[in-house]
Amino acid sequence: MSVFKLVRVVLLLSILLGIVASTWITEKRMASWDRPILVTVHPIAADEKPGTLRFAESIDADAFRDVNRFFGAQSRPYGFEVTPAFRFQVAPVSREVPPSVPGQFDFAAIGWWSLRMRWWSWTREMRDGLIQPDIQMFWMFHSTGPDTEMGISVGMRKGRYGIVKAYAAELAHSLNLVVFTHELMHVLGATDKYVLSTGEPVYPHGFADPDQQPLFPQRRAEIMGGRIPLSSFSSLMPASLEQCKIGRSTAEEIGFFDKLKAM
């Protein structure tokens, strides 16, 4: 191997090692809950309707007060309170949408999409003129209507970003925040606790109150279970974060128990 090739390999390995180390350090710091996690929200008008753009332009940092309120309340049962859990900064509104998410079982397409998405999110960070965040959340707004198809939302821990599909309507804001928080939890390391084929929460970890007697109907949704179980075969989307809970398994995944042990 020539000296030039050797230097190039060493340089590339050094960059890769730096990225891996930086990712590990950031994930550990976020899971420690010692200071607010900085989140950049990118509002995106995902269709051509003027009302969608106007709604996306109305989003500011105050739109996420309920998210911080939720985390503050949900951390108390674990012996501490994160206040605030997050600091939100809002990037300028865009009409540019991220690469389309492939089907969940198309693994080759998922790998290629992940690479494209990391590059796409990095270019947005370079252009938004804001402080470098811990997490990026791309909030894609669509107009409401019977023929509106928004597709799935995702949250990626390794890339530290989320793509959230939402309705461009004030009446839908509380529901939008439920989906936003669910995907934000994925970025923090939480896993889904529902059956992928049906969307029904998995017992016991997908239930907010698995020890309740009688078990049904539940009154709240476990945030990663996604829905309020009404019976063994039916459930309901929570209307707001006030109807959601961070269950024990999810709390462990996002570091609440590590924080408790460190105190």
Protein backbone atom coordinates (compact mmCIF):
# COMPACT_ATOMS: atom_id res chain seq x y z
CA MET A 1 0.00 0.00 0.00
CA SER A 2 1.34 3.43 -0.94
CA VAL A 3 1.91 6.13 1.65
CA PHE A 4 -0.88 8.20 0.09
CA LYS A 5 -3.39 5.35 0.38
CA LEU A 6 -2.29 4.64 3.94
CA VAL A 7 -2.76 8.28 4.94
CA ARG A 8 -6.20 8.31 3.29
CA VAL A 9 -7.28 5.14 5.13
CA VAL A 10 -6.02 6.50 8.45
CA LEU A 11 -7.82 9.79 7.85
CA LEU A 12 -11.11 8.06 6.97
CA LEU A 13 -10.85 5.77 9.99
CA SER A 14 -10.13 8.77 12.22
CA ILE A 15 -13.23 10.56 10.92
CA LEU A 16 -15.34 7.44 11.42
CA LEU A 17 -14.00 6.97 14.93
CA GLY A 18 -14.73 10.61 15.70
CA ILE A 19 -18.32 10.26 14.49
CA VAL A 20 -18.86 7.07 16.51
CA ALA A 21 -17.35 8.63 19.64
CA SER A 22 -19.39 11.82 19.23
CA THR A 23 -22.59 9.81 18.76
CA TRP A 24 -21.89 7.72 21.85
CA ILE A 25 -21.10 10.75 23.99
CA THR A 26 -24.24 12.58 22.84
CA GLU A 27 -26.48 9.56 23.49
CA LYS A 28 -25.02 9.09 26.99
CA ARG A 29 -25.43 12.78 27.77
CA MET A 30 -29.05 12.82 26.60
CA ALA A 31 -29.84 9.71 28.66
CA SER A 32 -28.36 11.34 31.78
CA TRP A 33 -31.10 14.05 31.83
CA ASP A 34 -28.64 16.45 33.44
CA ARG A 35 -29.50 19.37 31.18
CA PRO A 36 -32.13 20.24 28.56
CA ILE A 37 -31.77 18.40 25.26
CA LEU A 38 -31.58 20.87 22.37
CA VAL A 39 -34.09 20.05 19.63
CA THR A 40 -34.33 21.83 16.29
CA VAL A 41 -37.82 21.59 14.80
CA HIS A 42 -38.05 22.04 11.03
CA PRO A 43 -41.65 22.93 10.04
CA ILE A 44 -42.41 21.74 6.50
CA ALA A 45 -45.44 22.66 4.40
CA ALA A 46 -45.87 19.27 2.75
CA ASP A 47 -48.55 20.27 0.24
CA GLU A 48 -49.27 23.29 -1.95
CA LYS A 49 -52.26 24.66 -0.03
CA PRO A 50 -51.79 28.22 1.32
CA GLY A 51 -53.39 27.28 4.64
CA THR A 52 -50.78 24.61 5.22
CA LEU A 53 -47.97 27.10 4.76
CA ARG A 54 -49.64 29.63 7.06
CA PHE A 55 -50.04 27.01 9.76
CA ALA A 56 -46.43 25.85 9.45
CA GLU A 57 -45.30 29.48 9.76
CA SER A 58 -47.25 29.82 13.02
CA ILE A 59 -45.15 27.20 14.80
CA ASP A 60 -42.78 28.58 17.41
CA ALA A 61 -41.02 27.27 20.54
CA ASP A 62 -44.14 27.85 22.66
CA ALA A 63 -45.92 25.13 20.65
CA PHE A 64 -43.96 22.52 22.63
CA ARG A 65 -44.78 23.59 26.18
CA ASP A 66 -47.00 20.53 26.63
CA VAL A 67 -44.10 18.24 25.69
CA ASN A 68 -41.93 19.64 28.48
CA ARG A 69 -44.89 19.57 30.86
CA PHE A 70 -45.46 15.90 30.01
CA PHE A 71 -41.83 14.92 30.65
CA GLY A 72 -41.75 16.88 33.90
CA ALA A 73 -44.84 15.09 35.21
CA GLN A 74 -43.79 11.65 33.94
CA SER A 75 -40.29 11.79 35.47
CA ARG A 76 -41.57 12.48 39.02
CA PRO A 77 -42.64 8.87 39.75
CA TYR A 78 -39.03 7.86 39.07
CA GLY A 79 -37.61 10.10 41.79
CA PHE A 80 -36.63 13.25 39.90
CA GLU A 81 -38.08 15.94 37.66
CA VAL A 82 -36.67 17.12 34.35
CA THR A 83 -37.56 20.81 34.05
CA PRO A 84 -37.38 21.46 31.22
CA ALA A 85 -36.49 18.22 29.45
CA PHE A 86 -35.96 19.99 26.12
CA ARG A 87 -35.05 23.34 24.68
CA PHE A 88 -36.74 23.83 21.33
CA GLN A 89 -35.58 26.07 18.52
CA VAL A 90 -37.58 26.41 15.30
CA ALA A 91 -35.95 26.58 11.88
CA PRO A 92 -37.39 28.61 8.99
CA VAL A 93 -40.36 26.99 7.25
CA SER A 94 -39.57 24.97 4.15
CA ARG A 95 -41.52 23.26 1.37
CA GLU A 96 -38.70 20.78 0.74
CA VAL A 97 -39.72 17.31 1.97
CA PRO A 98 -37.30 14.59 3.13
CA PRO A 99 -36.68 11.38 1.17
CA SER A 100 -39.76 9.12 1.25
CA VAL A 101 -39.69 6.42 3.91
CA PRO A 102 -39.62 2.92 2.30
CA GLY A 103 -41.67 -0.06 3.39
CA GLN A 104 -40.69 -1.48 6.78
CA PHE A 105 -39.62 -4.87 5.36
CA ASP A 106 -37.64 -3.55 2.36
CA PHE A 107 -34.28 -3.74 4.12
CA ALA A 108 -32.09 -2.77 1.17
CA ALA A 109 -34.22 0.31 0.50
CA ILE A 110 -34.18 1.19 4.21
CA GLY A 111 -30.36 1.12 4.26
CA TRP A 112 -30.11 3.39 1.22
CA TRP A 113 -32.82 5.69 2.59
CA SER A 114 -30.97 5.97 5.91
CA LEU A 115 -27.82 7.19 4.17
CA ARG A 116 -29.76 9.68 2.05
CA MET A 117 -31.69 10.88 5.08
CA ARG A 118 -28.56 11.50 7.13
CA TRP A 119 -27.10 13.60 4.32
CA TRP A 120 -30.41 15.45 3.85
CA SER A 121 -30.74 16.25 7.56
CA TRP A 122 -27.11 17.38 7.76
CA THR A 123 -27.58 19.81 4.87
CA ARG A 124 -30.65 21.27 6.62
CA GLU A 125 -28.62 21.76 9.78
CA MET A 126 -25.91 23.57 7.85
CA ARG A 127 -28.47 25.94 6.31
CA ASP A 128 -30.79 26.73 9.20
CA GLY A 129 -28.44 29.21 10.93
CA LEU A 130 -29.23 27.83 14.40
CA ILE A 131 -27.17 26.32 17.21
CA GLN A 132 -26.12 22.74 16.44
CA PRO A 133 -28.81 20.59 18.09
CA ASP A 134 -28.80 17.22 19.80
CA ILE A 135 -31.89 16.17 17.84
CA GLN A 136 -33.61 17.29 14.62
CA MET A 137 -37.36 16.84 14.17
CA PHE A 138 -38.86 17.39 10.73
CA TRP A 139 -42.53 18.28 11.26
CA MET A 140 -44.40 17.79 7.99
CA PHE A 141 -47.81 19.49 7.86
CA HIS A 142 -50.63 18.44 5.55
CA SER A 143 -54.03 20.02 5.02
CA THR A 144 -56.97 18.19 6.54
CA GLY A 145 -59.45 16.41 4.29
CA PRO A 146 -61.01 13.03 3.52
CA ASP A 147 -58.41 12.23 0.86
CA THR A 148 -55.36 13.32 2.86
CA GLU A 149 -52.76 10.54 3.04
CA MET A 150 -49.83 11.44 5.23
CA GLY A 151 -47.90 8.16 5.48
CA ILE A 152 -45.92 6.97 8.48
CA SER A 153 -43.88 8.95 10.98
CA VAL A 154 -40.46 7.72 12.11
CA GLY A 155 -37.87 8.43 14.78
CA MET A 156 -34.25 7.29 14.32
CA ARG A 157 -31.93 6.99 17.29
CA LYS A 158 -28.70 6.57 15.31
CA GLY A 159 -29.27 9.63 13.14
CA ARG A 160 -30.91 11.55 16.02
CA TYR A 161 -33.78 12.79 13.88
CA GLY A 162 -37.49 12.24 13.50
CA ILE A 163 -39.98 12.73 10.66
CA VAL A 164 -43.46 13.55 11.96
CA LYS A 165 -46.57 13.72 9.77
CA ALA A 166 -49.16 16.14 11.14
CA TYR A 167 -52.38 17.98 10.30
CA ALA A 168 -52.22 21.71 9.58
CA ALA A 169 -55.06 22.61 11.94
CA GLU A 170 -55.09 24.20 15.38
CA LEU A 171 -57.74 21.72 16.55
CA ALA A 172 -55.30 18.89 15.76
CA HIS A 173 -52.37 20.41 17.66
CA SER A 174 -52.77 18.28 20.81
CA LEU A 175 -52.99 15.09 18.74
CA ASN A 176 -50.03 16.22 16.63
CA LEU A 177 -47.98 16.55 19.82
CA VAL A 178 -48.79 12.97 20.80
CA VAL A 179 -47.31 11.72 17.51
CA PHE A 180 -44.40 14.17 17.80
CA THR A 181 -43.58 12.95 21.31
CA HIS A 182 -43.85 9.30 20.31
CA GLU A 183 -41.26 9.79 17.55
CA LEU A 184 -39.08 11.94 19.80
CA MET A 185 -39.09 9.03 22.28
CA HIS A 186 -37.80 6.75 19.51
CA VAL A 187 -34.84 9.10 19.02
CA LEU A 188 -34.17 8.84 22.76
CA GLY A 189 -34.06 5.04 22.54
CA ALA A 190 -37.65 3.95 23.26
CA THR A 191 -39.13 1.07 21.27
CA ASP A 192 -42.65 0.54 19.96
CA LYS A 193 -44.97 -1.42 22.24
CA TYR A 194 -47.77 -2.28 19.86
CA VAL A 195 -48.43 -4.99 17.28
CA LEU A 196 -47.18 -3.66 13.94
CA SER A 197 -49.86 -5.43 11.91
CA THR A 198 -52.82 -4.14 13.96
CA GLY A 199 -51.60 -1.14 15.93
CA GLU A 200 -52.99 -2.64 19.15
CA PRO A 201 -50.87 -2.11 22.32
CA VAL A 202 -48.95 -5.12 23.62
CA TYR A 203 -49.70 -6.26 27.17
CA PRO A 204 -48.16 -5.45 29.63
CA HIS A 205 -45.53 -2.98 28.40
CA GLY A 206 -47.85 -1.19 25.97
CA PHE A 207 -50.45 -0.51 28.67
CA ALA A 208 -50.34 2.62 30.81
CA ASP A 209 -51.84 0.77 33.79
CA PRO A 210 -51.20 -2.98 33.31
CA ASP A 211 -52.15 -3.79 36.95
CA GLN A 212 -55.55 -2.11 36.74
CA GLN A 213 -58.51 -4.27 37.79
CA PRO A 214 -60.53 -4.81 35.76
CA LEU A 215 -57.94 -4.39 33.01
CA PHE A 216 -60.37 -2.81 30.52
CA PRO A 217 -61.11 -0.15 29.65
CA GLN A 218 -57.82 1.67 30.22
CA ARG A 219 -58.03 5.42 30.76
CA ARG A 220 -54.61 6.34 29.35
CA ALA A 221 -52.20 5.31 26.61
CA GLU A 222 -48.63 4.25 27.22
CA ILE A 223 -46.82 6.69 24.95
CA MET A 224 -45.01 3.95 23.00
CA GLY A 225 -48.09 1.71 23.01
CA GLY A 226 -49.70 4.52 21.07
CA ARG A 227 -53.35 3.87 21.87
CA ILE A 228 -55.76 3.58 24.82
CA PRO A 229 -56.86 -0.09 25.11
CA LEU A 230 -60.65 -0.29 25.50
CA SER A 231 -60.92 -4.08 25.23
CA SER A 232 -58.78 -7.01 24.14
CA PHE A 233 -59.53 -6.15 20.49
CA SER A 234 -60.17 -2.39 20.34
CA SER A 235 -58.34 0.80 21.25
CA LEU A 236 -58.50 4.57 20.82
CA MET A 237 -55.96 7.24 19.94
CA PRO A 238 -55.27 9.60 22.86
CA ALA A 239 -56.49 13.13 22.20
CA SER A 240 -53.56 14.77 24.00
CA LEU A 241 -50.48 14.11 26.10
CA GLU A 242 -52.67 14.44 29.19
CA GLN A 243 -54.04 11.00 28.26
CA CYS A 244 -50.56 9.46 27.96
CA LYS A 245 -48.04 7.93 30.31
CA ILE A 246 -44.38 6.86 30.18
CA GLY A 247 -44.48 3.26 31.40
CA ARG A 248 -41.77 1.47 33.35
CA SER A 249 -40.22 -0.31 30.34
CA THR A 250 -40.09 2.90 28.29
CA ALA A 251 -38.68 4.83 31.26
CA GLU A 252 -35.87 2.31 31.52
CA GLU A 253 -35.11 2.58 27.78
CA ILE A 254 -34.72 6.36 27.87
CA GLY A 255 -32.52 6.46 30.99
CA PHE A 256 -34.92 7.42 33.79
CA PHE A 257 -33.67 4.52 35.93
CA ASP A 258 -30.03 5.39 35.26
CA LYS A 259 -30.75 8.91 36.44
CA LEU A 260 -32.39 7.53 39.60
CA LYS A 261 -29.38 5.29 40.36
CA ALA A 262 -26.99 8.23 39.96
CA MET A 263 -28.78 10.35 42.54
